[in-house]
C-alpha atoms as a PDB file:
ATOM      1  CA  MET A   1     106.169 110.864 105.433  1.00  0.00           C
ATOM      2  CA  SER A   2     102.455 111.221 104.716  1.00  0.00           C
ATOM      3  CA  GLY A   3      99.656 110.222 107.083  1.00  0.00           C
ATOM      4  CA  ALA A   4      97.144 107.413 106.848  1.00  0.00           C
ATOM      5  CA  VAL A   5      94.196 107.701 104.445  1.00  0.00           C
ATOM      6  CA  LEU A   6      90.770 106.493 105.443  1.00  0.00           C
ATOM      7  CA  SER A   7      89.195 104.453 102.594  1.00  0.00           C
ATOM      8  CA  HIS A   8      85.523 103.476 102.744  1.00  0.00           C
ATOM      9  CA  SER A   9      83.325 102.169  99.932  1.00  0.00           C
ATOM     10  CA  LEU A  10      79.583 102.556  99.317  1.00  0.00           C
ATOM     11  CA  ARG A  11      77.044 101.805  96.633  1.00  0.00           C
ATOM     12  CA  VAL A  12      74.703 104.545  95.332  1.00  0.00           C
ATOM     13  CA  ARG A  13      71.158 103.742  96.447  1.00  0.00           C
ATOM     14  CA  PHE A  14      68.092 104.626  94.332  1.00  0.00           C
ATOM     15  CA  ALA A  15      66.760 107.091  96.938  1.00  0.00           C
ATOM     16  CA  GLU A  16      69.944 109.189  96.594  1.00  0.00           C
ATOM     17  CA  CYS A  17      69.327 109.905  92.958  1.00  0.00           C
ATOM     18  CA  ASP A  18      67.320 112.456  90.976  1.00  0.00           C
ATOM     19  CA  PRO A  19      64.905 111.353  88.193  1.00  0.00           C
ATOM     20  CA  GLN A  20      67.843 110.954  85.800  1.00  0.00           C
ATOM     21  CA  SER A  21      69.438 108.336  88.116  1.00  0.00           C
ATOM     22  CA  VAL A  22      72.248 110.784  88.978  1.00  0.00           C
ATOM     23  CA  VAL A  23      73.176 111.350  92.592  1.00  0.00           C
ATOM     24  CA  PHE A  24      71.480 114.520  93.808  1.00  0.00           C
ATOM     25  CA  ASN A  25      74.074 117.209  94.658  1.00  0.00           C
ATOM     26  CA  SER A  26      73.246 117.527  98.366  1.00  0.00           C
ATOM     27  CA  ARG A  27      73.855 113.814  98.905  1.00  0.00           C
ATOM     28  CA  TYR A  28      77.588 114.283  98.494  1.00  0.00           C
ATOM     29  CA  LEU A  29      77.701 116.116 101.841  1.00  0.00           C
ATOM     30  CA  GLU A  30      75.994 113.063 103.378  1.00  0.00           C
ATOM     31  CA  TYR A  31      78.697 110.877 101.825  1.00  0.00           C
ATOM     32  CA  PHE A  32      81.369 113.218 103.237  1.00  0.00           C
ATOM     33  CA  ASP A  33      79.752 112.845 106.644  1.00  0.00           C
ATOM     34  CA  VAL A  34      80.005 109.036 106.352  1.00  0.00           C
ATOM     35  CA  ALA A  35      83.702 109.366 105.479  1.00  0.00           C
ATOM     36  CA  LEU A  36      84.320 111.605 108.487  1.00  0.00           C
ATOM     37  CA  THR A  37      82.467 109.220 110.800  1.00  0.00           C
ATOM     38  CA  GLU A  38      84.482 106.281 109.521  1.00  0.00           C
ATOM     39  CA  LEU A  39      87.772 108.180 109.892  1.00  0.00           C
ATOM     40  CA  TRP A  40      86.851 108.993 113.517  1.00  0.00           C
ATOM     41  CA  ARG A  41      85.833 105.358 114.129  1.00  0.00           C
ATOM     42  CA  GLU A  42      89.172 104.129 112.731  1.00  0.00           C
ATOM     43  CA  ALA A  43      91.240 106.745 114.595  1.00  0.00           C
ATOM     44  CA  LEU A  44      89.425 107.013 117.924  1.00  0.00           C
ATOM     45  CA  GLY A  45      86.582 104.538 118.220  1.00  0.00           C
ATOM     46  CA  ASN A  46      83.045 105.594 118.994  1.00  0.00           C
ATOM     47  CA  TYR A  47      82.604 109.320 118.275  1.00  0.00           C
ATOM     48  CA  ASP A  48      79.927 109.981 120.867  1.00  0.00           C
ATOM     49  CA  ALA A  49      81.799 108.218 123.646  1.00  0.00           C
ATOM     50  CA  VAL A  50      85.059 110.074 122.970  1.00  0.00           C
ATOM     51  CA  MET A  51      83.400 113.458 122.660  1.00  0.00           C
ATOM     52  CA  ALA A  52      81.102 112.916 125.722  1.00  0.00           C
ATOM     53  CA  ASP A  53      84.173 112.034 127.796  1.00  0.00           C
ATOM     54  CA  ALA A  54      85.811 115.260 126.655  1.00  0.00           C
ATOM     55  CA  GLY A  55      82.615 117.315 127.040  1.00  0.00           C
ATOM     56  CA  LEU A  56      82.951 118.461 123.450  1.00  0.00           C
ATOM     57  CA  ASP A  57      81.224 118.277 120.135  1.00  0.00           C
ATOM     58  CA  LEU A  58      81.955 119.204 116.532  1.00  0.00           C
ATOM     59  CA  VAL A  59      80.057 121.759 114.481  1.00  0.00           C
ATOM     60  CA  VAL A  60      80.398 122.291 110.748  1.00  0.00           C
ATOM     61  CA  ALA A  61      81.841 125.740 110.067  1.00  0.00           C
ATOM     62  CA  GLU A  62      82.359 125.348 106.299  1.00  0.00           C
ATOM     63  CA  ALA A  63      81.758 122.827 103.556  1.00  0.00           C
ATOM     64  CA  SER A  64      82.802 122.777  99.913  1.00  0.00           C
ATOM     65  CA  VAL A  65      82.157 120.353  97.084  1.00  0.00           C
ATOM     66  CA  ARG A  66      83.702 120.182  93.609  1.00  0.00           C
ATOM     67  CA  TYR A  67      81.722 117.983  91.203  1.00  0.00           C
ATOM     68  CA  ARG A  68      83.867 116.479  88.440  1.00  0.00           C
ATOM     69  CA  ALA A  69      81.759 113.572  87.160  1.00  0.00           C
ATOM     70  CA  PRO A  70      78.369 112.251  88.193  1.00  0.00           C
ATOM     71  CA  LEU A  71      77.756 109.171  90.277  1.00  0.00           C
ATOM     72  CA  ARG A  72      74.736 107.167  89.148  1.00  0.00           C
ATOM     73  CA  PHE A  73      72.411 104.649  90.679  1.00  0.00           C
ATOM     74  CA  ASP A  74      74.124 101.379  91.645  1.00  0.00           C
ATOM     75  CA  ASP A  75      77.686 102.756  91.175  1.00  0.00           C
ATOM     76  CA  ILE A  76      80.192 101.499  93.727  1.00  0.00           C
ATOM     77  CA  PHE A  77      82.515 104.261  94.843  1.00  0.00           C
ATOM     78  CA  GLU A  78      85.342 104.782  97.250  1.00  0.00           C
ATOM     79  CA  MET A  79      85.759 107.703  99.599  1.00  0.00           C
ATOM     80  CA  ARG A  80      89.271 108.686 100.717  1.00  0.00           C
ATOM     81  CA  ALA A  81      89.626 111.071 103.600  1.00  0.00           C
ATOM     82  CA  VAL A  82      92.587 112.816 105.252  1.00  0.00           C
ATOM     83  CA  ILE A  83      92.908 115.566 107.801  1.00  0.00           C
ATOM     84  CA  SER A  84      94.327 118.376 105.637  1.00  0.00           C
ATOM     85  CA  ARG A  85      94.456 120.890 108.505  1.00  0.00           C
ATOM     86  CA  LEU A  86      94.727 120.226 112.215  1.00  0.00           C
ATOM     87  CA  GLY A  87      94.490 123.531 114.088  1.00  0.00           C
ATOM     88  CA  THR A  88      94.059 124.542 117.699  1.00  0.00           C
ATOM     89  CA  THR A  89      90.252 124.439 117.745  1.00  0.00           C
ATOM     90  CA  SER A  90      89.354 123.164 114.291  1.00  0.00           C
ATOM     91  CA  THR A  91      90.081 120.578 111.670  1.00  0.00           C
ATOM     92  CA  VAL A  92      89.678 120.387 107.900  1.00  0.00           C
ATOM     93  CA  THR A  93      88.903 116.969 106.457  1.00  0.00           C
ATOM     94  CA  SER A  94      89.541 116.634 102.728  1.00  0.00           C
ATOM     95  CA  ILE A  95      87.508 113.930 100.961  1.00  0.00           C
ATOM     96  CA  THR A  96      87.908 112.500  97.471  1.00  0.00           C
ATOM     97  CA  ILE A  97      85.296 110.233  95.885  1.00  0.00           C
ATOM     98  CA  LEU A  98      86.454 107.851  93.203  1.00  0.00           C
ATOM     99  CA  ARG A  99      84.660 105.423  90.905  1.00  0.00           C
ATOM    100  CA  ASP A 100      86.861 102.876  89.186  1.00  0.00           C
ATOM    101  CA  GLY A 101      89.889 105.012  90.024  1.00  0.00           C
ATOM    102  CA  GLU A 102      88.386 108.179  88.481  1.00  0.00           C
ATOM    103  CA  ILE A 103      87.882 111.177  90.789  1.00  0.00           C
ATOM    104  CA  THR A 104      84.228 112.134  90.630  1.00  0.00           C
ATOM    105  CA  THR A 105      84.035 114.536  93.572  1.00  0.00           C
ATOM    106  CA  GLU A 106      86.344 116.427  95.926  1.00  0.00           C
ATOM    107  CA  GLY A 107      85.567 118.507  98.934  1.00  0.00           C
ATOM    108  CA  ASP A 108      86.471 119.796 102.356  1.00  0.00           C
ATOM    109  CA  LEU A 109      84.653 119.919 105.692  1.00  0.00           C
ATOM    110  CA  ARG A 110      85.862 122.360 108.403  1.00  0.00           C
ATOM    111  CA  HIS A 111      84.716 121.507 111.874  1.00  0.00           C
ATOM    112  CA  VAL A 112      85.119 123.490 115.035  1.00  0.00           C
ATOM    113  CA  PHE A 113      85.349 121.874 118.444  1.00  0.00           C
ATOM    114  CA  VAL A 114      82.869 123.327 120.922  1.00  0.00           C
ATOM    115  CA  ARG A 115      81.969 122.687 124.527  1.00  0.00           C
ATOM    116  CA  ARG A 116      78.775 120.666 124.860  1.00  0.00           C
ATOM    117  CA  ASP A 117      77.498 122.720 127.765  1.00  0.00           C
ATOM    118  CA  THR A 118      78.102 126.224 126.394  1.00  0.00           C
ATOM    119  CA  GLY A 119      78.698 125.871 122.675  1.00  0.00           C
ATOM    120  CA  GLU A 120      81.881 127.957 123.037  1.00  0.00           C
ATOM    121  CA  LYS A 121      84.941 127.118 120.921  1.00  0.00           C
ATOM    122  CA  ALA A 122      87.368 124.721 122.618  1.00  0.00           C
ATOM    123  CA  GLU A 123      90.874 123.452 122.073  1.00  0.00           C
ATOM    124  CA  ILE A 124      91.294 120.009 120.587  1.00  0.00           C
ATOM    125  CA  PRO A 125      92.293 117.675 123.426  1.00  0.00           C
ATOM    126  CA  ALA A 126      95.810 116.223 123.094  1.00  0.00           C
ATOM    127  CA  GLY A 127      94.628 112.614 122.751  1.00  0.00           C
ATOM    128  CA  ILE A 128      92.172 113.425 119.969  1.00  0.00           C
ATOM    129  CA  LYS A 129      94.744 115.650 118.239  1.00  0.00           C
ATOM    130  CA  THR A 130      97.347 112.866 118.280  1.00  0.00           C
ATOM    131  CA  ALA A 131      94.906 110.324 116.886  1.00  0.00           C
ATOM    132  CA  LEU A 132      93.791 112.640 114.121  1.00  0.00           C
ATOM    133  CA  ALA A 133      97.372 113.646 113.317  1.00  0.00           C
ATOM    134  CA  ALA A 134      97.892 110.090 112.047  1.00  0.00           C
ATOM    135  CA  TYR A 135      95.640 111.046 109.127  1.00  0.00           C
ATOM    136  CA  ALA A 136      97.364 114.327 108.374  1.00  0.00           C
ATOM    137  CA  PRO A 137     100.220 114.829 105.955  1.00  0.00           C
ATOM    138  CA  SER A 138     103.528 115.833 107.539  1.00  0.00           C
ATOM    139  CA  GLY A 139     103.644 119.473 108.542  1.00  0.00           C
ATOM    140  CA  THR A 140      99.833 119.900 108.762  1.00  0.00           C
END
């Protein structure tokens, strides 16, 4: 059995584009962040409240983007996100962006859980891990 997939749609805004009306490459990481935020909201509720209660935060340890086709001003696109790796102290969220069913962009965000007070790596709390596991394929 595979896990849930977060699906969230956006429209490309003019300010996100270069002079050729193509989405500027760094904006895709912003889109990925929106997908991650929406996945957390769906799985756990308010990110800040959950993490404050746990005394933790997330830091980006690695990000990758594969550009397959450009998004342009006013395109409506869908982001699909899953937790492709759920480790002891980190997660990898895999995000696919589609326009009219065509994959335009793929990427991964690896986040590490850290203590808010010291910045040291921390284990993922059981409740958070269980909620995120719902978005992970079996065996992840």
